[in-house]
Amino acid sequence: MPRINEPAPDFAADTTFGPRQLSDYRGKWLVLFSHPADFTPVCTTEFIGFAKAYPQFQAMDCELLGLSIDSRHAHIAWALNIEQNFGVAIPFPIIEDLSMKVANAYGMIQPGASDTSAVRATFFIDPEGILRAMVYYPMSNGRSIAEFIRLLEAMQASDKNGVATPENWHPGDDAIVPPPKTYAAAKARKDEGYTTTDWYFSTRPLEA
């Protein structure tokens, strides 16, 4: 199983846009996500959601990459079907993973859910190739693309400003200042110009 804050498992695979490997995305964020199968209704709604949000991800210097255990021909046929029936083009590649090599490397196969299909797993990989977040959903329920955008915004804000973000943080909200690490620093915290509720809980606005 992959682990947060360690290098993401390397891969090289064929996709609907030609060969892709992890190193192709070096210098950008990557959201790699799996789905149980092509031509299924919940997956269709998710791909439509990812496609519509693709410009927002690109604006955050992030690419999208889908995956299922189906063939490239099935992926292509499904993408054409979505465009024909729902009027939405799929602007990002989908990995063909018939061997389940990539799915197994990323822990996308969950025997408790299915031995042959990838669950709804989502992985956020930073520009250095480090796995920063993992989100798993059951096969019966679709993901929230808006939450993935929010999470990416929050991680980028934390990286840029050296802060943490509170529950349901959005750009424009105050962020959490790291707690002091010594007794003396804790005593001094109230005079450092933050909005301080207690020595361990201080917030500050972020620059736009």
N, C-alpha and C. Protein backbone atom coordinates (compact mmCIF):
# COMPACT_ATOMS: atom_id res chain seq x y z
N MET A 1 0.84 -1.20 0.00
CA MET A 1 0.00 0.00 0.00
C MET A 1 0.88 1.25 0.00
N PRO A 2 0.53 2.23 -0.78
CA PRO A 2 1.28 3.50 -0.76
C PRO A 2 1.04 4.22 0.57
N ARG A 3 1.97 5.10 0.91
CA ARG A 3 1.86 5.82 2.18
C ARG A 3 2.05 7.32 1.96
N ILE A 4 1.30 8.10 2.70
CA ILE A 4 1.35 9.56 2.60
C ILE A 4 2.74 10.06 2.98
N ASN A 5 3.18 11.08 2.24
CA ASN A 5 4.47 11.74 2.43
C ASN A 5 5.66 10.86 2.05
N GLU A 6 5.41 9.81 1.26
CA GLU A 6 6.47 9.01 0.67
C GLU A 6 6.31 9.08 -0.86
N PRO A 7 7.37 8.74 -1.62
CA PRO A 7 7.25 8.78 -3.08
C PRO A 7 6.09 7.92 -3.57
N ALA A 8 5.31 8.46 -4.50
CA ALA A 8 4.21 7.70 -5.09
C ALA A 8 4.77 6.55 -5.90
N PRO A 9 4.09 5.40 -5.93
CA PRO A 9 4.58 4.28 -6.74
C PRO A 9 4.75 4.68 -8.20
N ASP A 10 5.88 4.32 -8.76
CA ASP A 10 6.14 4.65 -10.16
C ASP A 10 5.27 3.79 -11.06
N PHE A 11 4.98 4.28 -12.25
CA PHE A 11 4.22 3.49 -13.22
C PHE A 11 4.52 3.95 -14.62
N ALA A 12 4.32 3.07 -15.55
CA ALA A 12 4.33 3.38 -16.98
C ALA A 12 3.18 2.59 -17.58
N ALA A 13 2.30 3.26 -18.31
CA ALA A 13 1.08 2.60 -18.78
C ALA A 13 0.61 3.21 -20.08
N ASP A 14 -0.18 2.43 -20.81
CA ASP A 14 -0.87 2.94 -21.99
C ASP A 14 -2.17 3.61 -21.56
N THR A 15 -2.50 4.69 -22.23
CA THR A 15 -3.73 5.43 -21.91
C THR A 15 -4.46 5.80 -23.19
N THR A 16 -5.60 6.42 -23.03
CA THR A 16 -6.37 6.90 -24.18
C THR A 16 -5.67 8.04 -24.90
N PHE A 17 -4.65 8.63 -24.30
CA PHE A 17 -3.88 9.71 -24.91
C PHE A 17 -2.46 9.26 -25.24
N GLY A 18 -2.22 7.94 -25.26
CA GLY A 18 -0.88 7.43 -25.52
C GLY A 18 -0.18 7.05 -24.22
N PRO A 19 1.09 6.64 -24.31
CA PRO A 19 1.82 6.21 -23.12
C PRO A 19 1.97 7.34 -22.10
N ARG A 20 1.87 6.98 -20.83
CA ARG A 20 2.08 7.92 -19.74
C ARG A 20 2.86 7.23 -18.64
N GLN A 21 3.72 8.01 -17.97
CA GLN A 21 4.41 7.51 -16.78
C GLN A 21 4.43 8.61 -15.74
N LEU A 22 4.71 8.21 -14.51
CA LEU A 22 4.63 9.17 -13.42
C LEU A 22 5.56 10.36 -13.65
N SER A 23 6.74 10.10 -14.20
CA SER A 23 7.71 11.18 -14.40
C SER A 23 7.22 12.25 -15.38
N ASP A 24 6.24 11.92 -16.22
CA ASP A 24 5.67 12.92 -17.14
C ASP A 24 5.04 14.09 -16.38
N TYR A 25 4.66 13.84 -15.15
CA TYR A 25 3.93 14.85 -14.38
C TYR A 25 4.83 15.57 -13.38
N ARG A 26 6.12 15.30 -13.43
CA ARG A 26 7.05 15.98 -12.54
C ARG A 26 6.95 17.49 -12.72
N GLY A 27 6.90 18.21 -11.63
CA GLY A 27 6.76 19.67 -11.69
C GLY A 27 5.33 20.15 -11.65
N LYS A 28 4.37 19.23 -11.68
CA LYS A 28 2.95 19.56 -11.56
C LYS A 28 2.32 18.68 -10.49
N TRP A 29 1.19 19.10 -9.98
CA TRP A 29 0.37 18.22 -9.16
C TRP A 29 -0.34 17.23 -10.08
N LEU A 30 -0.65 16.07 -9.54
CA LEU A 30 -1.39 15.07 -10.29
C LEU A 30 -2.46 14.47 -9.38
N VAL A 31 -3.68 14.40 -9.88
CA VAL A 31 -4.75 13.65 -9.22
C VAL A 31 -4.97 12.39 -10.04
N LEU A 32 -4.58 11.26 -9.47
CA LEU A 32 -4.75 9.94 -10.09
C LEU A 32 -5.94 9.28 -9.42
N PHE A 33 -6.93 8.88 -10.22
CA PHE A 33 -8.13 8.32 -9.61
C PHE A 33 -8.60 7.10 -10.38
N SER A 34 -9.11 6.13 -9.64
CA SER A 34 -9.59 4.88 -10.24
C SER A 34 -11.11 4.82 -10.16
N HIS A 35 -11.68 4.02 -11.05
CA HIS A 35 -13.12 3.79 -11.03
C HIS A 35 -13.37 2.31 -11.30
N PRO A 36 -14.47 1.75 -10.81
CA PRO A 36 -14.71 0.31 -10.93
C PRO A 36 -14.81 -0.20 -12.36
N ALA A 37 -15.52 0.53 -13.22
CA ALA A 37 -15.71 0.01 -14.58
C ALA A 37 -16.24 1.09 -15.50
N ASP A 38 -15.92 0.97 -16.80
CA ASP A 38 -16.50 1.84 -17.81
C ASP A 38 -17.98 1.50 -17.99
N PHE A 39 -18.71 2.43 -18.57
CA PHE A 39 -20.13 2.23 -18.88
C PHE A 39 -20.96 1.89 -17.64
N THR A 40 -20.61 2.49 -16.51
CA THR A 40 -21.42 2.34 -15.30
C THR A 40 -21.92 3.72 -14.89
N PRO A 41 -23.12 3.82 -14.33
CA PRO A 41 -23.73 5.13 -14.14
C PRO A 41 -23.02 6.03 -13.13
N VAL A 42 -22.60 5.49 -11.97
CA VAL A 42 -21.93 6.35 -10.99
C VAL A 42 -20.60 6.87 -11.54
N CYS A 43 -19.84 5.99 -12.17
CA CYS A 43 -18.56 6.39 -12.76
C CYS A 43 -18.76 7.45 -13.84
N THR A 44 -19.83 7.33 -14.60
CA THR A 44 -20.13 8.31 -15.64
C THR A 44 -20.33 9.68 -15.03
N THR A 45 -21.07 9.76 -13.92
CA THR A 45 -21.28 11.07 -13.27
C THR A 45 -19.97 11.63 -12.76
N GLU A 46 -19.09 10.76 -12.26
CA GLU A 46 -17.80 11.24 -11.75
C GLU A 46 -16.93 11.79 -12.88
N PHE A 47 -16.88 11.08 -13.99
CA PHE A 47 -16.06 11.54 -15.10
C PHE A 47 -16.60 12.84 -15.68
N ILE A 48 -17.90 12.99 -15.71
CA ILE A 48 -18.48 14.26 -16.14
C ILE A 48 -18.06 15.37 -15.18
N GLY A 49 -18.10 15.07 -13.87
CA GLY A 49 -17.70 16.06 -12.87
C GLY A 49 -16.23 16.43 -12.99
N PHE A 50 -15.36 15.44 -13.15
CA PHE A 50 -13.93 15.74 -13.32
C PHE A 50 -13.70 16.54 -14.60
N ALA A 51 -14.39 16.18 -15.68
CA ALA A 51 -14.20 16.88 -16.96
C ALA A 51 -14.62 18.34 -16.84
N LYS A 52 -15.75 18.59 -16.21
CA LYS A 52 -16.22 19.98 -16.07
C LYS A 52 -15.29 20.80 -15.18
N ALA A 53 -14.67 20.15 -14.20
CA ALA A 53 -13.78 20.86 -13.28
C ALA A 53 -12.34 20.93 -13.79
N TYR A 54 -12.05 20.30 -14.93
CA TYR A 54 -10.67 20.22 -15.41
C TYR A 54 -10.01 21.59 -15.54
N PRO A 55 -10.70 22.62 -16.05
CA PRO A 55 -10.04 23.94 -16.11
C PRO A 55 -9.62 24.47 -14.74
N GLN A 56 -10.40 24.17 -13.70
CA GLN A 56 -10.03 24.60 -12.35
C GLN A 56 -8.77 23.88 -11.88
N PHE A 57 -8.69 22.58 -12.14
CA PHE A 57 -7.48 21.85 -11.78
C PHE A 57 -6.27 22.40 -12.54
N GLN A 58 -6.44 22.66 -13.83
CA GLN A 58 -5.33 23.19 -14.63
C GLN A 58 -4.87 24.55 -14.10
N ALA A 59 -5.82 25.37 -13.66
CA ALA A 59 -5.47 26.69 -13.12
C ALA A 59 -4.64 26.56 -11.85
N MET A 60 -4.72 25.41 -11.18
CA MET A 60 -3.92 25.15 -9.98
C MET A 60 -2.68 24.31 -10.32
N ASP A 61 -2.32 24.27 -11.60
CA ASP A 61 -1.14 23.53 -12.07
C ASP A 61 -1.25 22.05 -11.71
N CYS A 62 -2.43 21.49 -11.95
CA CYS A 62 -2.71 20.10 -11.62
C CYS A 62 -3.30 19.38 -12.82
N GLU A 63 -2.83 18.16 -13.07
CA GLU A 63 -3.38 17.33 -14.12
C GLU A 63 -4.22 16.20 -13.53
N LEU A 64 -5.09 15.64 -14.35
CA LEU A 64 -5.94 14.51 -13.96
C LEU A 64 -5.56 13.28 -14.77
N LEU A 65 -5.68 12.11 -14.13
CA LEU A 65 -5.38 10.85 -14.80
C LEU A 65 -6.28 9.77 -14.22
N GLY A 66 -7.16 9.22 -15.08
CA GLY A 66 -8.08 8.18 -14.63
C GLY A 66 -7.52 6.79 -14.84
N LEU A 67 -8.17 5.80 -14.24
CA LEU A 67 -7.74 4.41 -14.38
C LEU A 67 -8.89 3.47 -14.08
N SER A 68 -9.00 2.40 -14.88
CA SER A 68 -9.81 1.25 -14.49
C SER A 68 -9.18 0.01 -15.10
N ILE A 69 -9.74 -1.14 -14.77
CA ILE A 69 -9.19 -2.41 -15.24
C ILE A 69 -9.65 -2.72 -16.67
N ASP A 70 -10.33 -1.78 -17.31
CA ASP A 70 -10.82 -2.00 -18.68
C ASP A 70 -9.73 -1.67 -19.70
N SER A 71 -10.00 -2.06 -20.94
CA SER A 71 -9.04 -1.83 -22.03
C SER A 71 -9.14 -0.40 -22.55
N ARG A 72 -8.13 0.00 -23.32
CA ARG A 72 -8.18 1.31 -23.97
C ARG A 72 -9.37 1.43 -24.90
N HIS A 73 -9.69 0.36 -25.61
CA HIS A 73 -10.84 0.41 -26.53
C HIS A 73 -12.13 0.68 -25.76
N ALA A 74 -12.28 0.05 -24.60
CA ALA A 74 -13.46 0.31 -23.78
C ALA A 74 -13.46 1.75 -23.27
N HIS A 75 -12.29 2.23 -22.85
CA HIS A 75 -12.19 3.62 -22.38
C HIS A 75 -12.58 4.60 -23.49
N ILE A 76 -12.04 4.36 -24.68
CA ILE A 76 -12.33 5.26 -25.80
C ILE A 76 -13.81 5.24 -26.15
N ALA A 77 -14.38 4.04 -26.20
CA ALA A 77 -15.81 3.92 -26.53
C ALA A 77 -16.66 4.62 -25.48
N TRP A 78 -16.28 4.47 -24.22
CA TRP A 78 -17.04 5.11 -23.13
C TRP A 78 -16.91 6.62 -23.19
N ALA A 79 -15.69 7.13 -23.43
CA ALA A 79 -15.50 8.57 -23.54
C ALA A 79 -16.32 9.14 -24.70
N LEU A 80 -16.34 8.44 -25.83
CA LEU A 80 -17.17 8.88 -26.96
C LEU A 80 -18.64 8.84 -26.60
N ASN A 81 -19.06 7.82 -25.84
CA ASN A 81 -20.45 7.70 -25.42
C ASN A 81 -20.85 8.85 -24.51
N ILE A 82 -19.97 9.21 -23.58
CA ILE A 82 -20.25 10.33 -22.68
C ILE A 82 -20.39 11.63 -23.48
N GLU A 83 -19.49 11.83 -24.43
CA GLU A 83 -19.56 13.05 -25.23
C GLU A 83 -20.84 13.08 -26.07
N GLN A 84 -21.22 11.94 -26.61
CA GLN A 84 -22.42 11.88 -27.45
C GLN A 84 -23.70 12.05 -26.63
N ASN A 85 -23.78 11.37 -25.50
CA ASN A 85 -25.03 11.35 -24.74
C ASN A 85 -25.17 12.47 -23.72
N PHE A 86 -24.03 12.98 -23.22
CA PHE A 86 -24.08 14.01 -22.17
C PHE A 86 -23.47 15.33 -22.60
N GLY A 87 -22.87 15.35 -23.79
CA GLY A 87 -22.31 16.59 -24.31
C GLY A 87 -21.06 17.05 -23.59
N VAL A 88 -20.33 16.11 -22.96
CA VAL A 88 -19.12 16.46 -22.20
C VAL A 88 -17.95 15.65 -22.73
N ALA A 89 -16.92 16.32 -23.22
CA ALA A 89 -15.70 15.65 -23.67
C ALA A 89 -14.80 15.37 -22.48
N ILE A 90 -14.13 14.22 -22.50
CA ILE A 90 -13.19 13.86 -21.43
C ILE A 90 -11.81 14.35 -21.83
N PRO A 91 -11.27 15.39 -21.18
CA PRO A 91 -10.05 16.04 -21.65
C PRO A 91 -8.76 15.51 -21.04
N PHE A 92 -8.83 14.39 -20.33
CA PHE A 92 -7.64 13.85 -19.66
C PHE A 92 -7.52 12.36 -19.99
N PRO A 93 -6.33 11.79 -19.84
CA PRO A 93 -6.13 10.38 -20.20
C PRO A 93 -6.76 9.42 -19.19
N ILE A 94 -7.04 8.20 -19.68
CA ILE A 94 -7.51 7.11 -18.83
C ILE A 94 -6.56 5.93 -19.03
N ILE A 95 -5.99 5.42 -17.95
CA ILE A 95 -5.03 4.32 -18.03
C ILE A 95 -5.74 3.00 -18.31
N GLU A 96 -5.18 2.24 -19.24
CA GLU A 96 -5.57 0.84 -19.44
C GLU A 96 -4.75 0.00 -18.45
N ASP A 97 -5.43 -0.76 -17.59
CA ASP A 97 -4.70 -1.51 -16.57
C ASP A 97 -5.24 -2.94 -16.48
N LEU A 98 -5.25 -3.62 -17.62
CA LEU A 98 -5.77 -4.99 -17.66
C LEU A 98 -4.98 -5.93 -16.75
N SER A 99 -3.69 -5.65 -16.59
CA SER A 99 -2.84 -6.49 -15.73
C SER A 99 -3.03 -6.18 -14.26
N MET A 100 -3.69 -5.08 -13.96
CA MET A 100 -3.91 -4.58 -12.59
C MET A 100 -2.60 -4.20 -11.90
N LYS A 101 -1.54 -3.98 -12.68
CA LYS A 101 -0.25 -3.64 -12.09
C LYS A 101 -0.29 -2.30 -11.37
N VAL A 102 -0.83 -1.28 -12.02
CA VAL A 102 -0.91 0.04 -11.39
C VAL A 102 -1.91 0.02 -10.24
N ALA A 103 -3.05 -0.62 -10.46
CA ALA A 103 -4.09 -0.68 -9.42
C ALA A 103 -3.57 -1.36 -8.16
N ASN A 104 -2.82 -2.43 -8.31
CA ASN A 104 -2.28 -3.12 -7.14
C ASN A 104 -1.20 -2.30 -6.46
N ALA A 105 -0.37 -1.61 -7.24
CA ALA A 105 0.70 -0.80 -6.66
C ALA A 105 0.13 0.32 -5.79
N TYR A 106 -1.04 0.82 -6.17
CA TYR A 106 -1.66 1.92 -5.43
C TYR A 106 -2.74 1.45 -4.45
N GLY A 107 -2.91 0.15 -4.30
CA GLY A 107 -3.92 -0.32 -3.36
C GLY A 107 -5.34 -0.02 -3.79
N MET A 108 -5.56 0.03 -5.12
CA MET A 108 -6.90 0.33 -5.62
C MET A 108 -7.82 -0.90 -5.61
N ILE A 109 -7.23 -2.08 -5.49
CA ILE A 109 -8.02 -3.30 -5.43
C ILE A 109 -8.25 -3.65 -3.97
N GLN A 110 -9.50 -3.65 -3.56
CA GLN A 110 -9.86 -3.93 -2.17
C GLN A 110 -10.68 -5.21 -2.14
N PRO A 111 -10.10 -6.33 -1.69
CA PRO A 111 -10.81 -7.61 -1.74
C PRO A 111 -12.16 -7.60 -1.04
N GLY A 112 -12.31 -6.77 -0.03
CA GLY A 112 -13.60 -6.70 0.65
C GLY A 112 -14.69 -6.10 -0.21
N ALA A 113 -14.28 -5.34 -1.25
CA ALA A 113 -15.25 -4.73 -2.16
C ALA A 113 -15.33 -5.50 -3.47
N SER A 114 -14.16 -5.86 -4.03
CA SER A 114 -14.11 -6.60 -5.29
C SER A 114 -12.70 -7.08 -5.53
N ASP A 115 -12.55 -8.30 -6.03
CA ASP A 115 -11.24 -8.82 -6.38
C ASP A 115 -10.83 -8.47 -7.80
N THR A 116 -11.75 -7.92 -8.58
CA THR A 116 -11.48 -7.70 -10.00
C THR A 116 -11.69 -6.27 -10.46
N SER A 117 -12.21 -5.40 -9.61
CA SER A 117 -12.46 -4.01 -10.00
C SER A 117 -11.79 -3.07 -9.01
N ALA A 118 -11.32 -1.94 -9.52
CA ALA A 118 -10.72 -0.93 -8.66
C ALA A 118 -11.82 -0.14 -7.97
N VAL A 119 -11.66 0.09 -6.68
CA VAL A 119 -12.62 0.91 -5.95
C VAL A 119 -12.40 2.37 -6.33
N ARG A 120 -13.21 3.26 -5.77
CA ARG A 120 -13.08 4.69 -6.07
C ARG A 120 -11.97 5.28 -5.19
N ALA A 121 -10.76 5.11 -5.65
CA ALA A 121 -9.59 5.62 -4.92
C ALA A 121 -9.05 6.86 -5.64
N THR A 122 -8.59 7.83 -4.85
CA THR A 122 -8.07 9.07 -5.41
C THR A 122 -6.77 9.41 -4.71
N PHE A 123 -5.75 9.77 -5.49
CA PHE A 123 -4.42 10.03 -4.96
C PHE A 123 -3.94 11.40 -5.43
N PHE A 124 -3.47 12.20 -4.49
CA PHE A 124 -2.91 13.52 -4.79
C PHE A 124 -1.39 13.41 -4.71
N ILE A 125 -0.72 13.66 -5.83
CA ILE A 125 0.72 13.54 -5.93
C ILE A 125 1.29 14.93 -6.22
N ASP A 126 2.25 15.38 -5.42
CA ASP A 126 2.74 16.75 -5.56
C ASP A 126 3.80 16.85 -6.66
N PRO A 127 4.28 18.06 -6.96
CA PRO A 127 5.23 18.24 -8.07
C PRO A 127 6.55 17.50 -7.89
N GLU A 128 6.87 17.08 -6.67
CA GLU A 128 8.09 16.32 -6.42
C GLU A 128 7.85 14.81 -6.48
N GLY A 129 6.63 14.40 -6.83
CA GLY A 129 6.33 12.98 -6.90
C GLY A 129 5.99 12.35 -5.56
N ILE A 130 5.69 13.17 -4.56
CA ILE A 130 5.36 12.67 -3.23
C ILE A 130 3.84 12.53 -3.09
N LEU A 131 3.41 11.41 -2.56
CA LEU A 131 1.99 11.19 -2.33
C LEU A 131 1.54 11.99 -1.12
N ARG A 132 0.61 12.91 -1.32
CA ARG A 132 0.22 13.83 -0.25
C ARG A 132 -1.12 13.51 0.39
N ALA A 133 -2.01 12.86 -0.35
CA ALA A 133 -3.32 12.53 0.21
C ALA A 133 -3.90 11.35 -0.54
N MET A 134 -4.70 10.56 0.17
CA MET A 134 -5.43 9.43 -0.42
C MET A 134 -6.86 9.48 0.07
N VAL A 135 -7.80 9.24 -0.82
CA VAL A 135 -9.22 9.23 -0.46
C VAL A 135 -9.87 8.01 -1.09
N TYR A 136 -10.54 7.20 -0.29
CA TYR A 136 -11.22 6.00 -0.79
C TYR A 136 -12.73 6.15 -0.57
N TYR A 137 -13.49 5.79 -1.60
CA TYR A 137 -14.95 5.77 -1.51
C TYR A 137 -15.44 4.35 -1.81
N PRO A 138 -16.60 3.98 -1.27
CA PRO A 138 -17.18 2.69 -1.64
C PRO A 138 -17.63 2.70 -3.09
N MET A 139 -17.79 1.52 -3.64
CA MET A 139 -18.17 1.41 -5.04
C MET A 139 -19.58 1.95 -5.30
N SER A 140 -20.40 2.02 -4.27
CA SER A 140 -21.80 2.42 -4.45
C SER A 140 -22.02 3.93 -4.46
N ASN A 141 -21.00 4.72 -4.08
CA ASN A 141 -21.22 6.15 -3.90
C ASN A 141 -20.18 6.99 -4.62
N GLY A 142 -20.67 8.00 -5.33
CA GLY A 142 -19.78 8.86 -6.10
C GLY A 142 -19.04 9.87 -5.24
N ARG A 143 -17.90 10.30 -5.75
CA ARG A 143 -17.05 11.26 -5.04
C ARG A 143 -17.52 12.69 -5.23
N SER A 144 -17.02 13.58 -4.38
CA SER A 144 -17.28 15.01 -4.50
C SER A 144 -16.08 15.68 -5.15
N ILE A 145 -16.22 16.10 -6.38
CA ILE A 145 -15.11 16.76 -7.08
C ILE A 145 -14.81 18.10 -6.43
N ALA A 146 -15.85 18.78 -5.94
CA ALA A 146 -15.65 20.06 -5.27
C ALA A 146 -14.75 19.90 -4.04
N GLU A 147 -14.89 18.80 -3.33
CA GLU A 147 -14.04 18.56 -2.16
C GLU A 147 -12.59 18.34 -2.58
N PHE A 148 -12.37 17.69 -3.72
CA PHE A 148 -11.00 17.48 -4.18
C PHE A 148 -10.35 18.81 -4.56
N ILE A 149 -11.10 19.71 -5.17
CA ILE A 149 -10.58 21.04 -5.48
C ILE A 149 -10.25 21.78 -4.19
N ARG A 150 -11.15 21.71 -3.21
CA ARG A 150 -10.92 22.36 -1.92
C ARG A 150 -9.68 21.80 -1.24
N LEU A 151 -9.51 20.48 -1.25
CA LEU A 151 -8.35 19.86 -0.62
C LEU A 151 -7.06 20.29 -1.30
N LEU A 152 -7.06 20.32 -2.62
CA LEU A 152 -5.86 20.75 -3.34
C LEU A 152 -5.53 22.20 -3.02
N GLU A 153 -6.54 23.07 -2.99
CA GLU A 153 -6.31 24.47 -2.61
C GLU A 153 -5.72 24.56 -1.21
N ALA A 154 -6.23 23.74 -0.28
CA ALA A 154 -5.75 23.78 1.09
C ALA A 154 -4.30 23.30 1.19
N MET A 155 -3.96 22.21 0.50
CA MET A 155 -2.58 21.72 0.55
C MET A 155 -1.62 22.72 -0.06
N GLN A 156 -2.02 23.35 -1.16
CA GLN A 156 -1.15 24.34 -1.78
C GLN A 156 -0.97 25.56 -0.88
N ALA A 157 -2.03 25.96 -0.18
CA ALA A 157 -1.93 27.08 0.76
C ALA A 157 -1.02 26.73 1.92
N SER A 158 -1.10 25.49 2.42
CA SER A 158 -0.24 25.05 3.52
C SER A 158 1.22 25.06 3.08
N ASP A 159 1.50 24.54 1.88
CA ASP A 159 2.87 24.50 1.38
C ASP A 159 3.44 25.92 1.22
N LYS A 160 2.65 26.81 0.69
CA LYS A 160 3.13 28.16 0.40
C LYS A 160 3.34 28.99 1.66
N ASN A 161 2.49 28.79 2.67
CA ASN A 161 2.48 29.68 3.83
C ASN A 161 2.94 29.05 5.13
N GLY A 162 3.23 27.75 5.14
CA GLY A 162 3.67 27.10 6.36
C GLY A 162 2.60 27.06 7.44
N VAL A 163 1.37 26.82 7.04
CA VAL A 163 0.24 26.80 7.96
C VAL A 163 -0.55 25.51 7.80
N ALA A 164 -1.48 25.29 8.72
CA ALA A 164 -2.48 24.24 8.56
C ALA A 164 -3.81 24.92 8.26
N THR A 165 -4.78 24.14 7.81
CA THR A 165 -6.09 24.72 7.51
C THR A 165 -7.16 24.02 8.34
N PRO A 166 -8.14 24.77 8.83
CA PRO A 166 -9.19 24.17 9.66
C PRO A 166 -10.23 23.43 8.82
N GLU A 167 -11.15 22.83 9.51
CA GLU A 167 -12.26 22.12 8.88
C GLU A 167 -12.94 23.00 7.85
N ASN A 168 -13.15 22.45 6.65
CA ASN A 168 -13.87 23.12 5.57
C ASN A 168 -13.26 24.46 5.17
N TRP A 169 -11.93 24.57 5.29
CA TRP A 169 -11.25 25.80 4.89
C TRP A 169 -11.43 26.05 3.40
N HIS A 170 -11.62 27.33 3.07
CA HIS A 170 -11.66 27.77 1.67
C HIS A 170 -10.77 29.00 1.52
N PRO A 171 -10.26 29.26 0.31
CA PRO A 171 -9.46 30.46 0.10
C PRO A 171 -10.18 31.71 0.61
N GLY A 172 -9.46 32.53 1.35
CA GLY A 172 -10.04 33.71 1.98
C GLY A 172 -10.27 33.52 3.46
N ASP A 173 -10.37 32.26 3.91
CA ASP A 173 -10.52 31.99 5.34
C ASP A 173 -9.17 32.09 6.04
N ASP A 174 -9.19 32.36 7.34
CA ASP A 174 -7.96 32.35 8.13
C ASP A 174 -7.41 30.93 8.23
N ALA A 175 -6.11 30.83 8.37
CA ALA A 175 -5.44 29.53 8.51
C ALA A 175 -4.87 29.40 9.92
N ILE A 176 -4.51 28.17 10.29
CA ILE A 176 -4.02 27.88 11.63
C ILE A 176 -2.50 27.96 11.66
N VAL A 177 -1.99 28.73 12.61
CA VAL A 177 -0.55 28.87 12.80
C VAL A 177 -0.05 27.66 13.59
N PRO A 178 1.09 27.07 13.19
CA PRO A 178 1.61 25.93 13.94
C PRO A 178 1.79 26.27 15.42
N PRO A 179 1.43 25.36 16.33
CA PRO A 179 1.56 25.63 17.76
C PRO A 179 3.02 25.82 18.16
N PRO A 180 3.28 26.58 19.22
CA PRO A 180 4.66 26.73 19.72
C PRO A 180 5.23 25.38 20.16
N LYS A 181 6.56 25.27 20.08
CA LYS A 181 7.21 24.01 20.41
C LYS A 181 7.93 24.04 21.76
N THR A 182 7.98 25.21 22.39
CA THR A 182 8.63 25.30 23.70
C THR A 182 7.75 26.09 24.66
N TYR A 183 8.06 25.97 25.94
CA TYR A 183 7.33 26.71 26.98
C TYR A 183 7.46 28.20 26.77
N ALA A 184 8.68 28.65 26.47
CA ALA A 184 8.90 30.08 26.27
C ALA A 184 8.13 30.60 25.07
N ALA A 185 8.11 29.83 23.99
CA ALA A 185 7.37 30.24 22.81
C ALA A 185 5.87 30.28 23.08
N ALA A 186 5.39 29.36 23.89
CA ALA A 186 3.97 29.36 24.24
C ALA A 186 3.61 30.60 25.05
N LYS A 187 4.49 31.00 25.94
CA LYS A 187 4.25 32.21 26.75
C LYS A 187 4.23 33.45 25.86
N ALA A 188 5.03 33.45 24.82
CA ALA A 188 5.15 34.63 23.96
C ALA A 188 4.09 34.68 22.86
N ARG A 189 3.37 33.59 22.65
CA ARG A 189 2.46 33.51 21.51
C ARG A 189 1.44 34.63 21.48
N LYS A 190 0.89 35.02 22.63
CA LYS A 190 -0.19 36.02 22.66
C LYS A 190 0.26 37.38 22.17
N ASP A 191 1.56 37.61 22.11
CA ASP A 191 2.08 38.92 21.69
C ASP A 191 2.62 38.91 20.26
N GLU A 192 2.35 37.86 19.51
CA GLU A 192 2.95 37.73 18.18
C GLU A 192 2.07 38.26 17.05
N GLY A 193 0.91 38.82 17.37
CA GLY A 193 0.08 39.45 16.36
C GLY A 193 -0.94 38.56 15.70
N TYR A 194 -1.08 37.32 16.16
CA TYR A 194 -2.09 36.42 15.62
C TYR A 194 -3.41 36.59 16.36
N THR A 195 -4.46 36.03 15.81
CA THR A 195 -5.72 35.90 16.54
C THR A 195 -5.59 34.64 17.39
N THR A 196 -5.38 34.82 18.69
CA THR A 196 -5.04 33.71 19.57
C THR A 196 -6.16 33.43 20.56
N THR A 197 -6.70 32.23 20.51
CA THR A 197 -7.71 31.78 21.48
C THR A 197 -7.03 31.20 22.71
N ASP A 198 -5.98 30.44 22.50
CA ASP A 198 -5.15 29.90 23.58
C ASP A 198 -3.77 29.66 22.98
N TRP A 199 -2.80 29.33 23.82
CA TRP A 199 -1.41 29.25 23.34
C TRP A 199 -1.25 28.29 22.17
N TYR A 200 -2.07 27.26 22.11
CA TYR A 200 -1.93 26.24 21.06
C TYR A 200 -2.82 26.52 19.85
N PHE A 201 -3.70 27.54 19.94
CA PHE A 201 -4.68 27.76 18.86
C PHE A 201 -4.65 29.22 18.44
N SER A 202 -3.94 29.46 17.34
CA SER A 202 -3.85 30.80 16.77
C SER A 202 -4.12 30.73 15.27
N THR A 203 -4.71 31.78 14.74
CA THR A 203 -4.99 31.84 13.31
C THR A 203 -4.47 33.15 12.74
N ARG A 204 -4.35 33.16 11.40
CA ARG A 204 -3.96 34.39 10.72
C ARG A 204 -4.53 34.36 9.32
N PRO A 205 -4.77 35.54 8.74
CA PRO A 205 -5.21 35.57 7.34
C PRO A 205 -4.03 35.27 6.41
N LEU A 206 -4.34 34.81 5.22
CA LEU A 206 -3.33 34.56 4.21
C LEU A 206 -3.43 35.65 3.14
N GLU A 207 -2.31 35.97 2.57
CA GLU A 207 -2.31 36.97 1.50
C GLU A 207 -3.03 36.40 0.29
N ALA A 208 -3.75 37.25 -0.40
CA ALA A 208 -4.48 36.82 -1.60
C ALA A 208 -3.51 36.45 -2.70
